[in-house]
C-alpha atoms as a PDB file:
ATOM      1  CA  MET A   1     -15.677  -2.843 -15.614  1.00  0.00           C
ATOM      2  CA  THR A   2     -18.398  -3.057 -18.212  1.00  0.00           C
ATOM      3  CA  PRO A   3     -22.148  -3.319 -17.586  1.00  0.00           C
ATOM      4  CA  SER A   4     -22.427  -6.065 -20.195  1.00  0.00           C
ATOM      5  CA  ARG A   5     -21.086  -8.662 -17.820  1.00  0.00           C
ATOM      6  CA  PHE A   6     -24.168  -8.321 -15.650  1.00  0.00           C
ATOM      7  CA  VAL A   7     -26.624  -9.460 -18.319  1.00  0.00           C
ATOM      8  CA  ALA A   8     -25.464 -13.065 -18.073  1.00  0.00           C
ATOM      9  CA  PRO A   9     -27.924 -15.545 -16.564  1.00  0.00           C
ATOM     10  CA  LEU A  10     -27.632 -15.863 -12.807  1.00  0.00           C
ATOM     11  CA  ALA A  11     -26.094 -19.346 -12.934  1.00  0.00           C
ATOM     12  CA  LEU A  12     -23.356 -18.165 -15.279  1.00  0.00           C
ATOM     13  CA  ALA A  13     -22.712 -15.043 -13.212  1.00  0.00           C
ATOM     14  CA  LEU A  14     -22.311 -17.104 -10.074  1.00  0.00           C
ATOM     15  CA  ALA A  15     -19.993 -19.544 -11.819  1.00  0.00           C
ATOM     16  CA  LEU A  16     -17.724 -16.873 -13.227  1.00  0.00           C
ATOM     17  CA  GLY A  17     -17.590 -14.530 -10.273  1.00  0.00           C
ATOM     18  CA  ALA A  18     -20.061 -11.672 -10.560  1.00  0.00           C
ATOM     19  CA  CYS A  19     -17.977  -9.318  -8.434  1.00  0.00           C
ATOM     20  CA  SER A  20     -15.214  -9.195 -11.011  1.00  0.00           C
ATOM     21  CA  PRO A  21     -14.841  -9.178 -14.791  1.00  0.00           C
ATOM     22  CA  ALA A  22     -11.601 -11.112 -14.280  1.00  0.00           C
ATOM     23  CA  PRO A  23     -12.249 -14.060 -11.926  1.00  0.00           C
ATOM     24  CA  LEU A  24      -8.601 -15.132 -12.189  1.00  0.00           C
ATOM     25  CA  ALA A  25      -7.232 -11.713 -11.271  1.00  0.00           C
ATOM     26  CA  ILE A  26      -4.263 -11.429  -8.933  1.00  0.00           C
ATOM     27  CA  ALA A  27      -5.220 -12.121  -5.336  1.00  0.00           C
ATOM     28  CA  GLN A  28      -5.068  -9.477  -2.634  1.00  0.00           C
ATOM     29  CA  GLU A  29      -1.543  -8.682  -1.500  1.00  0.00           C
ATOM     30  CA  ALA A  30      -0.328  -9.601   1.965  1.00  0.00           C
ATOM     31  CA  ALA A  31      -2.334  -7.959   4.709  1.00  0.00           C
ATOM     32  CA  VAL A  32      -0.987  -5.135   6.878  1.00  0.00           C
ATOM     33  CA  LEU A  33      -1.538  -5.575  10.609  1.00  0.00           C
ATOM     34  CA  ALA A  34      -2.909  -2.223  11.697  1.00  0.00           C
ATOM     35  CA  PRO A  35      -2.239  -1.214  15.317  1.00  0.00           C
ATOM     36  CA  ALA A  36      -5.066  -1.406  17.809  1.00  0.00           C
ATOM     37  CA  PRO A  37      -7.151   1.785  17.979  1.00  0.00           C
ATOM     38  CA  THR A  38      -6.297   4.163  20.781  1.00  0.00           C
ATOM     39  CA  VAL A  39      -9.782   5.703  20.667  1.00  0.00           C
ATOM     40  CA  ASP A  40     -12.709   3.329  20.996  1.00  0.00           C
ATOM     41  CA  MET A  41     -16.327   3.187  22.068  1.00  0.00           C
ATOM     42  CA  PRO A  42     -17.039   3.591  25.806  1.00  0.00           C
ATOM     43  CA  ARG A  43     -18.041   0.495  27.718  1.00  0.00           C
ATOM     44  CA  SER A  44     -21.759  -0.130  27.957  1.00  0.00           C
ATOM     45  CA  ASN A  45     -24.226  -2.762  29.064  1.00  0.00           C
ATOM     46  CA  ALA A  46     -25.471  -3.241  25.515  1.00  0.00           C
ATOM     47  CA  THR A  47     -25.403  -6.783  24.167  1.00  0.00           C
ATOM     48  CA  SER A  48     -25.610  -5.825  20.506  1.00  0.00           C
ATOM     49  CA  GLN A  49     -24.198  -3.096  18.263  1.00  0.00           C
ATOM     50  CA  THR A  50     -24.036  -2.719  14.486  1.00  0.00           C
ATOM     51  CA  ALA A  51     -21.330  -1.577  12.098  1.00  0.00           C
ATOM     52  CA  VAL A  52     -21.801  -0.957   8.366  1.00  0.00           C
ATOM     53  CA  LEU A  53     -18.671  -1.100   6.222  1.00  0.00           C
ATOM     54  CA  ALA A  54     -17.838  -1.083   2.514  1.00  0.00           C
ATOM     55  CA  GLY A  55     -14.550  -1.948   0.877  1.00  0.00           C
ATOM     56  CA  GLY A  56     -14.831  -3.924  -2.316  1.00  0.00           C
ATOM     57  CA  CYS A  57     -16.972  -6.903  -3.213  1.00  0.00           C
ATOM     58  CA  PHE A  58     -19.222  -7.676  -0.271  1.00  0.00           C
ATOM     59  CA  TRP A  59     -18.595 -11.422  -0.577  1.00  0.00           C
ATOM     60  CA  GLY A  60     -15.122 -11.157   0.927  1.00  0.00           C
ATOM     61  CA  ILE A  61     -15.899  -8.703   3.718  1.00  0.00           C
ATOM     62  CA  GLU A  62     -18.935 -10.720   4.740  1.00  0.00           C
ATOM     63  CA  GLY A  63     -16.847 -13.908   4.682  1.00  0.00           C
ATOM     64  CA  VAL A  64     -14.193 -12.377   6.935  1.00  0.00           C
ATOM     65  CA  PHE A  65     -16.554 -11.052   9.587  1.00  0.00           C
ATOM     66  CA  GLU A  66     -18.620 -14.229   9.669  1.00  0.00           C
ATOM     67  CA  HIS A  67     -15.537 -15.790  11.277  1.00  0.00           C
ATOM     68  CA  VAL A  68     -14.793 -13.077  13.844  1.00  0.00           C
ATOM     69  CA  ARG A  69     -15.434 -14.019  17.450  1.00  0.00           C
ATOM     70  CA  GLY A  70     -18.167 -11.845  18.936  1.00  0.00           C
ATOM     71  CA  VAL A  71     -19.910 -11.197  15.613  1.00  0.00           C
ATOM     72  CA  THR A  72     -23.426 -12.598  15.687  1.00  0.00           C
ATOM     73  CA  ARG A  73     -24.723 -11.773  12.185  1.00  0.00           C
ATOM     74  CA  VAL A  74     -23.399 -10.442   8.895  1.00  0.00           C
ATOM     75  CA  ARG A  75     -25.425  -9.433   5.839  1.00  0.00           C
ATOM     76  CA  SER A  76     -24.322  -8.233   2.422  1.00  0.00           C
ATOM     77  CA  GLY A  77     -26.156  -5.228   1.036  1.00  0.00           C
ATOM     78  CA  TYR A  78     -26.012  -1.660  -0.212  1.00  0.00           C
ATOM     79  CA  ALA A  79     -25.546   1.718   1.467  1.00  0.00           C
ATOM     80  CA  GLY A  80     -24.673   5.305   0.690  1.00  0.00           C
ATOM     81  CA  GLY A  81     -26.870   6.062  -2.292  1.00  0.00           C
ATOM     82  CA  ASP A  82     -30.307   5.963  -3.905  1.00  0.00           C
ATOM     83  CA  VAL A  83     -32.379   3.561  -1.818  1.00  0.00           C
ATOM     84  CA  SER A  84     -34.933   3.080  -4.589  1.00  0.00           C
ATOM     85  CA  ARG A  85     -32.183   1.665  -6.823  1.00  0.00           C
ATOM     86  CA  ALA A  86     -30.439  -0.453  -4.206  1.00  0.00           C
ATOM     87  CA  ASN A  87     -30.367  -3.668  -6.215  1.00  0.00           C
ATOM     88  CA  TYR A  88     -27.446  -5.533  -7.741  1.00  0.00           C
ATOM     89  CA  ASP A  89     -27.970  -4.646 -11.396  1.00  0.00           C
ATOM     90  CA  ALA A  90     -28.426  -0.931 -10.675  1.00  0.00           C
ATOM     91  CA  VAL A  91     -25.598  -0.676  -8.142  1.00  0.00           C
ATOM     92  CA  SER A  92     -23.245  -2.497 -10.502  1.00  0.00           C
ATOM     93  CA  SER A  93     -23.801   0.229 -13.094  1.00  0.00           C
ATOM     94  CA  GLY A  94     -22.045   2.669 -10.767  1.00  0.00           C
ATOM     95  CA  THR A  95     -24.810   5.256 -11.132  1.00  0.00           C
ATOM     96  CA  THR A  96     -26.736   4.867  -7.843  1.00  0.00           C
ATOM     97  CA  GLY A  97     -24.208   6.241  -5.354  1.00  0.00           C
ATOM     98  CA  ASN A  98     -24.482   3.006  -3.381  1.00  0.00           C
ATOM     99  CA  ALA A  99     -21.526   0.897  -2.325  1.00  0.00           C
ATOM    100  CA  GLU A 100     -21.507  -2.857  -1.844  1.00  0.00           C
ATOM    101  CA  SER A 101     -21.545  -3.013   1.952  1.00  0.00           C
ATOM    102  CA  VAL A 102     -21.891  -5.351   4.900  1.00  0.00           C
ATOM    103  CA  GLU A 103     -23.948  -4.976   8.050  1.00  0.00           C
ATOM    104  CA  ILE A 104     -22.111  -6.473  11.019  1.00  0.00           C
ATOM    105  CA  VAL A 105     -23.998  -7.148  14.240  1.00  0.00           C
ATOM    106  CA  PHE A 106     -21.655  -7.829  17.161  1.00  0.00           C
ATOM    107  CA  ASP A 107     -21.560  -8.224  20.919  1.00  0.00           C
ATOM    108  CA  PRO A 108     -19.596  -5.243  22.330  1.00  0.00           C
ATOM    109  CA  ARG A 109     -18.817  -7.272  25.448  1.00  0.00           C
ATOM    110  CA  VAL A 110     -16.693  -9.539  23.249  1.00  0.00           C
ATOM    111  CA  ILE A 111     -15.360  -7.228  20.538  1.00  0.00           C
ATOM    112  CA  SER A 112     -15.482  -3.445  20.290  1.00  0.00           C
ATOM    113  CA  TYR A 113     -16.331  -1.193  17.362  1.00  0.00           C
ATOM    114  CA  GLY A 114     -12.701  -0.101  17.180  1.00  0.00           C
ATOM    115  CA  GLN A 115     -11.550  -3.713  17.032  1.00  0.00           C
ATOM    116  CA  ILE A 116     -14.021  -4.328  14.205  1.00  0.00           C
ATOM    117  CA  LEU A 117     -12.348  -1.455  12.347  1.00  0.00           C
ATOM    118  CA  GLN A 118      -8.886  -2.866  13.074  1.00  0.00           C
ATOM    119  CA  ILE A 119      -9.828  -6.118  11.329  1.00  0.00           C
ATOM    120  CA  TYR A 120     -11.465  -4.177   8.491  1.00  0.00           C
ATOM    121  CA  PHE A 121      -8.328  -2.149   7.805  1.00  0.00           C
ATOM    122  CA  SER A 122      -5.954  -5.075   8.341  1.00  0.00           C
ATOM    123  CA  VAL A 123      -7.439  -7.923   6.330  1.00  0.00           C
ATOM    124  CA  ALA A 124     -10.835  -7.078   4.810  1.00  0.00           C
ATOM    125  CA  THR A 125      -9.891  -4.190   2.513  1.00  0.00           C
ATOM    126  CA  ASP A 126      -6.990  -2.134   1.171  1.00  0.00           C
ATOM    127  CA  PRO A 127      -7.758   1.418   2.380  1.00  0.00           C
ATOM    128  CA  THR A 128      -5.368   3.011  -0.122  1.00  0.00           C
ATOM    129  CA  GLN A 129      -7.346   2.034  -3.235  1.00  0.00           C
ATOM    130  CA  LEU A 130      -9.707   4.753  -4.471  1.00  0.00           C
ATOM    131  CA  ASN A 131     -13.053   3.649  -5.935  1.00  0.00           C
ATOM    132  CA  ARG A 132     -11.839   0.128  -6.461  1.00  0.00           C
ATOM    133  CA  GLN A 133     -10.641  -2.957  -4.653  1.00  0.00           C
ATOM    134  CA  GLY A 134      -8.390  -5.480  -6.318  1.00  0.00           C
ATOM    135  CA  PRO A 135      -9.940  -6.521  -9.644  1.00  0.00           C
ATOM    136  CA  ASP A 136     -13.188  -4.621  -8.987  1.00  0.00           C
ATOM    137  CA  THR A 137     -13.387  -1.023 -10.157  1.00  0.00           C
ATOM    138  CA  GLY A 138     -15.989   1.680  -9.691  1.00  0.00           C
ATOM    139  CA  ALA A 139     -17.353   3.831  -6.870  1.00  0.00           C
ATOM    140  CA  GLN A 140     -19.634   0.958  -5.854  1.00  0.00           C
ATOM    141  CA  TYR A 141     -16.460  -0.788  -4.597  1.00  0.00           C
ATOM    142  CA  ARG A 142     -15.144   2.178  -2.619  1.00  0.00           C
ATOM    143  CA  GLY A 143     -13.884   1.993   0.922  1.00  0.00           C
ATOM    144  CA  ASN A 144     -16.520   3.551   3.169  1.00  0.00           C
ATOM    145  CA  ILE A 145     -17.291   3.478   6.878  1.00  0.00           C
ATOM    146  CA  PHE A 146     -20.943   4.310   7.493  1.00  0.00           C
ATOM    147  CA  TYR A 147     -21.351   5.543  11.050  1.00  0.00           C
ATOM    148  CA  ALA A 148     -24.638   5.259  12.940  1.00  0.00           C
ATOM    149  CA  ASP A 149     -23.956   7.936  15.553  1.00  0.00           C
ATOM    150  CA  ALA A 150     -21.433  10.507  16.752  1.00  0.00           C
ATOM    151  CA  GLN A 151     -19.505   7.946  18.805  1.00  0.00           C
ATOM    152  CA  GLN A 152     -18.910   5.697  15.810  1.00  0.00           C
ATOM    153  CA  GLU A 153     -17.870   8.698  13.742  1.00  0.00           C
ATOM    154  CA  ARG A 154     -15.409   9.777  16.430  1.00  0.00           C
ATOM    155  CA  VAL A 155     -13.812   6.327  16.603  1.00  0.00           C
ATOM    156  CA  ALA A 156     -13.596   5.968  12.807  1.00  0.00           C
ATOM    157  CA  ARG A 157     -12.033   9.373  12.190  1.00  0.00           C
ATOM    158  CA  ALA A 158      -9.633   9.025  15.102  1.00  0.00           C
ATOM    159  CA  TYR A 159      -8.510   5.612  13.877  1.00  0.00           C
ATOM    160  CA  ILE A 160      -7.846   6.838  10.345  1.00  0.00           C
ATOM    161  CA  ALA A 161      -5.847   9.727  11.824  1.00  0.00           C
ATOM    162  CA  GLN A 162      -3.911   7.262  13.993  1.00  0.00           C
ATOM    163  CA  LEU A 163      -3.087   4.993  11.035  1.00  0.00           C
ATOM    164  CA  THR A 164      -2.071   7.993   8.949  1.00  0.00           C
ATOM    165  CA  ALA A 165       0.209   9.373  11.660  1.00  0.00           C
ATOM    166  CA  ALA A 166       1.800   5.955  12.121  1.00  0.00           C
ATOM    167  CA  ARG A 167       2.346   5.621   8.348  1.00  0.00           C
ATOM    168  CA  THR A 168       0.826   2.170   8.517  1.00  0.00           C
ATOM    169  CA  TYR A 169       0.396   2.138   4.731  1.00  0.00           C
ATOM    170  CA  ALA A 170       2.767   3.276   2.000  1.00  0.00           C
ATOM    171  CA  SER A 171       0.019   5.324   0.328  1.00  0.00           C
ATOM    172  CA  PRO A 172      -2.634   7.670   1.776  1.00  0.00           C
ATOM    173  CA  ILE A 173      -5.824   6.207   3.237  1.00  0.00           C
ATOM    174  CA  VAL A 174      -8.772   7.093   0.994  1.00  0.00           C
ATOM    175  CA  THR A 175     -11.530   5.332   2.956  1.00  0.00           C
ATOM    176  CA  ARG A 176     -14.560   7.590   3.321  1.00  0.00           C
ATOM    177  CA  VAL A 177     -16.453   8.186   6.570  1.00  0.00           C
ATOM    178  CA  ASP A 178     -20.132   9.023   6.021  1.00  0.00           C
ATOM    179  CA  ARG A 179     -23.330   8.958   8.040  1.00  0.00           C
ATOM    180  CA  LEU A 180     -25.441   5.866   7.471  1.00  0.00           C
ATOM    181  CA  THR A 181     -28.816   6.743   6.049  1.00  0.00           C
ATOM    182  CA  ARG A 182     -30.059   3.239   5.337  1.00  0.00           C
ATOM    183  CA  PHE A 183     -28.694  -0.243   4.742  1.00  0.00           C
ATOM    184  CA  VAL A 184     -30.560  -2.358   2.170  1.00  0.00           C
ATOM    185  CA  PRO A 185     -29.891  -6.114   2.249  1.00  0.00           C
ATOM    186  CA  ALA A 186     -28.673  -7.613  -1.017  1.00  0.00           C
ATOM    187  CA  GLU A 187     -30.403 -10.363  -2.935  1.00  0.00           C
ATOM    188  CA  ASP A 188     -30.516 -13.797  -1.286  1.00  0.00           C
ATOM    189  CA  TYR A 189     -27.964 -15.326  -3.663  1.00  0.00           C
ATOM    190  CA  HIS A 190     -25.300 -12.913  -2.383  1.00  0.00           C
ATOM    191  CA  GLN A 191     -25.727 -13.897   1.263  1.00  0.00           C
ATOM    192  CA  ASP A 192     -23.129 -16.267   2.786  1.00  0.00           C
ATOM    193  CA  TYR A 193     -21.530 -16.420  -0.647  1.00  0.00           C
ATOM    194  CA  LEU A 194     -17.992 -17.316   0.431  1.00  0.00           C
ATOM    195  CA  GLU A 195     -19.283 -20.056   2.711  1.00  0.00           C
ATOM    196  CA  LEU A 196     -21.511 -21.538   0.025  1.00  0.00           C
ATOM    197  CA  HIS A 197     -19.057 -21.238  -2.888  1.00  0.00           C
ATOM    198  CA  PRO A 198     -15.551 -21.825  -1.452  1.00  0.00           C
ATOM    199  CA  THR A 199     -14.205 -23.283  -4.722  1.00  0.00           C
ATOM    200  CA  GLN A 200     -15.504 -20.542  -7.012  1.00  0.00           C
ATOM    201  CA  PRO A 201     -12.479 -18.990  -8.819  1.00  0.00           C
ATOM    202  CA  TYR A 202     -13.110 -15.417  -7.663  1.00  0.00           C
ATOM    203  CA  ILE A 203     -13.470 -16.541  -4.046  1.00  0.00           C
ATOM    204  CA  VAL A 204     -10.339 -18.690  -4.196  1.00  0.00           C
ATOM    205  CA  ARG A 205      -8.204 -15.945  -5.700  1.00  0.00           C
ATOM    206  CA  ASN A 206      -9.500 -12.884  -3.874  1.00  0.00           C
ATOM    207  CA  ASP A 207     -11.381 -13.780  -0.714  1.00  0.00           C
ATOM    208  CA  LEU A 208      -9.995 -16.968   0.823  1.00  0.00           C
ATOM    209  CA  PRO A 209      -6.634 -15.157   1.306  1.00  0.00           C
ATOM    210  CA  LYS A 210      -8.479 -12.584   3.439  1.00  0.00           C
ATOM    211  CA  LEU A 211      -9.875 -15.337   5.627  1.00  0.00           C
ATOM    212  CA  ALA A 212      -6.405 -16.883   5.909  1.00  0.00           C
ATOM    213  CA  ASN A 213      -4.988 -13.490   6.921  1.00  0.00           C
ATOM    214  CA  LEU A 214      -7.674 -13.132   9.593  1.00  0.00           C
ATOM    215  CA  ARG A 215      -6.700 -16.493  11.046  1.00  0.00           C
ATOM    216  CA  ARG A 216      -2.972 -15.657  10.855  1.00  0.00           C
ATOM    217  CA  LEU A 217      -3.014 -12.072  12.153  1.00  0.00           C
ATOM    218  CA  PHE A 218      -5.901 -12.329  14.629  1.00  0.00           C
ATOM    219  CA  PRO A 219      -5.796 -15.888  15.983  1.00  0.00           C
ATOM    220  CA  GLY A 220      -7.601 -14.814  19.137  1.00  0.00           C
ATOM    221  CA  ARG A 221     -10.366 -13.157  17.136  1.00  0.00           C
ATOM    222  CA  TYR A 222     -10.812 -15.911  14.556  1.00  0.00           C
ATOM    223  CA  THR A 223     -13.433 -18.595  15.020  1.00  0.00           C
ATOM    224  CA  ALA A 224     -14.012 -21.545  12.713  1.00  0.00           C
ATOM    225  CA  GLU A 225     -17.681 -21.458  13.622  1.00  0.00           C
ATOM    226  CA  ARG A 226     -19.525 -19.130  11.259  1.00  0.00           C
ATOM    227  CA  SER A 227     -21.934 -16.519  12.589  1.00  0.00           C
ATOM    228  CA  ALA A 228     -25.523 -16.423  11.350  1.00  0.00           C
END
């Protein structure tokens, strides 16, 4: 990845695929259906909870979770680094400590935090890729679960241990688990990107397969109706 690709005018960046220097790169390999988590959040009367996840270009992760039943809102943004430099140009330089992330608001009466993580590990990201995801390289594309409290941390760490013990993946899981300090929404032109640009080459090659895998592996969780 080279910073020079980010100096293109916005229209050109959107046309070419700003999340990758190679918009025609090889698409994500077939998804791995991770087993359901054995440790999950306790039942509550809450109607809304939030998960913050990173695992590559935020366009694809946002696009996946916008079509998960029980998810009410998804936003692309930045987490894990210097808040004062949480903007696309700075984060893309790889010097801010931030990762491209998504904020997922969901109804825990419909889908649990652990089930959100099951979809994340199964179709939204490859947890064995260190500081990269597919054609995108750099720590800003790392796999990272940002927990909001001790319960989320417990579920995330237990699930990674479960997947590791089950040898779900051929290589070690390198997804980080860190406390969420702050989530900063990304620029408007990044929001709902997959939905608004379904024919863009990067989306076609790298992100539409994730959505297809969601529909194939989680038919009961998939909804054609997009969340807000």
